[in-house]
C-alpha cells in the first residue's frame, strides 16, 4: 500500500466547508455533495464506479478523500464510559 501522511493531507484538501451549504457540513470541493452522502452510498453497498457514474464531475480521489476524512474523525474519537456506583 503506497501513500502516507502527505497523501492523506492532499486528499483532505478536497474537503471544504461552507456555512451556506448544508449548514457547514463537510463538502467535496465546495460542491453541493456532502461527505456524509458519499459515505452513506458506500455503506449502502454502492461501488465507487456507481458513485462516479451518478456524479460525472466527481473524481476517484474525491471518494478517497471522503474515506480519509472519516478516518481522521474516527481516529481522534474517544468514548468515555460512565461508571455508576450502586448501593449495596
Protein backbone atom coordinates (compact mmCIF):
# COMPACT_ATOMS: atom_id res chain seq x y z
CA UNK A 1 0.00 0.00 0.00
CA UNK A 2 1.51 3.31 -1.00
CA UNK A 3 0.76 6.70 0.42
CA UNK A 4 1.38 8.31 3.74
CA UNK A 5 0.56 11.37 5.72
CA UNK A 6 1.27 13.80 2.87
CA UNK A 7 -1.01 11.82 0.55
CA UNK A 8 -3.81 11.89 3.13
CA UNK A 9 -3.32 15.61 3.70
CA UNK A 10 -3.53 16.13 -0.07
CA UNK A 11 -6.79 14.21 -0.16
CA UNK A 12 -8.17 16.23 2.74
CA UNK A 13 -7.55 19.40 0.72
CA UNK A 14 -10.50 18.24 -1.40
CA UNK A 15 -12.82 18.57 1.61
CA UNK A 16 -14.21 22.03 2.21
CA UNK A 17 -16.77 23.74 4.40
CA UNK A 18 -19.30 26.41 3.51
CA UNK A 19 -21.74 27.61 6.18
CA UNK A 20 -24.23 28.42 3.41
CA UNK A 21 -24.31 24.84 2.09
CA UNK A 22 -25.83 22.06 4.21
CA UNK A 23 -25.28 24.08 7.37
CA UNK A 24 -21.50 23.93 7.09
CA UNK A 25 -21.18 20.15 6.78
CA UNK A 26 -18.03 18.91 5.03
CA UNK A 27 -18.35 19.07 1.25
CA UNK A 28 -16.42 17.75 -1.69
CA UNK A 29 -14.52 20.59 -3.37
CA UNK A 30 -17.18 23.14 -2.38
CA UNK A 31 -19.85 21.40 -4.44
CA UNK A 32 -23.30 20.55 -3.17
CA UNK A 33 -22.33 16.99 -2.30
CA UNK A 34 -21.67 16.28 1.37
CA UNK A 35 -19.02 13.85 2.51
CA UNK A 36 -21.66 12.04 4.54
CA UNK A 37 -23.70 11.41 1.39
CA UNK A 38 -20.78 9.66 -0.31
CA UNK A 39 -20.10 7.65 2.86
CA UNK A 40 -23.80 6.70 3.03
CA UNK A 41 -23.66 5.45 -0.57
CA UNK A 42 -20.54 3.40 0.14
CA UNK A 43 -22.09 1.97 3.32
CA UNK A 44 -25.23 1.05 1.36
CA UNK A 45 -23.10 -1.02 -0.99
CA UNK A 46 -22.69 1.34 -3.93
CA UNK A 47 -19.35 0.88 -5.64
CA UNK A 48 -17.04 3.80 -6.34
CA UNK A 49 -17.77 3.27 -10.06
CA UNK A 50 -21.52 3.63 -9.45
CA UNK A 51 -20.97 6.80 -7.44
CA UNK A 52 -18.73 8.24 -10.15
CA UNK A 53 -21.40 7.43 -12.76
CA UNK A 54 -24.04 9.23 -10.68
CA UNK A 55 -21.88 12.34 -10.30
CA UNK A 56 -19.90 12.90 -13.53
CA UNK A 57 -17.87 15.77 -12.05
CA UNK A 58 -16.69 13.57 -9.16
CA UNK A 59 -13.18 12.10 -9.29
CA UNK A 60 -11.90 8.87 -7.70
CA UNK A 61 -9.71 10.96 -5.38
CA UNK A 62 -12.87 12.67 -4.06
CA UNK A 63 -14.22 9.33 -2.86
CA UNK A 64 -10.87 8.52 -1.28
CA UNK A 65 -10.93 11.97 0.34
CA UNK A 66 -14.29 11.16 1.96
CA UNK A 67 -12.82 7.96 3.40
CA UNK A 68 -9.72 9.81 4.59
CA UNK A 69 -11.89 12.45 6.26
CA UNK A 70 -13.97 9.81 8.03
CA UNK A 71 -10.78 8.05 9.11
CA UNK A 72 -9.38 11.28 10.54
CA UNK A 73 -12.58 11.89 12.53
CA UNK A 74 -12.78 8.34 13.88
CA UNK A 75 -9.07 8.24 14.65
CA UNK A 76 -9.49 11.19 17.01
CA UNK A 77 -12.73 9.98 18.60
CA UNK A 78 -12.68 8.83 22.21
CA UNK A 79 -15.51 7.23 24.13
CA UNK A 80 -15.58 7.72 27.88
CA UNK A 81 -17.62 5.25 29.86
CA UNK A 82 -19.62 6.47 32.80
CA UNK A 83 -19.36 4.10 35.75
CA UNK A 84 -22.17 4.40 38.26
CA UNK A 85 -21.79 3.02 41.74
CA UNK A 86 -24.79 1.21 43.12
CA UNK A 87 -25.70 0.97 46.78
CA UNK A 88 -25.30 -2.48 48.26
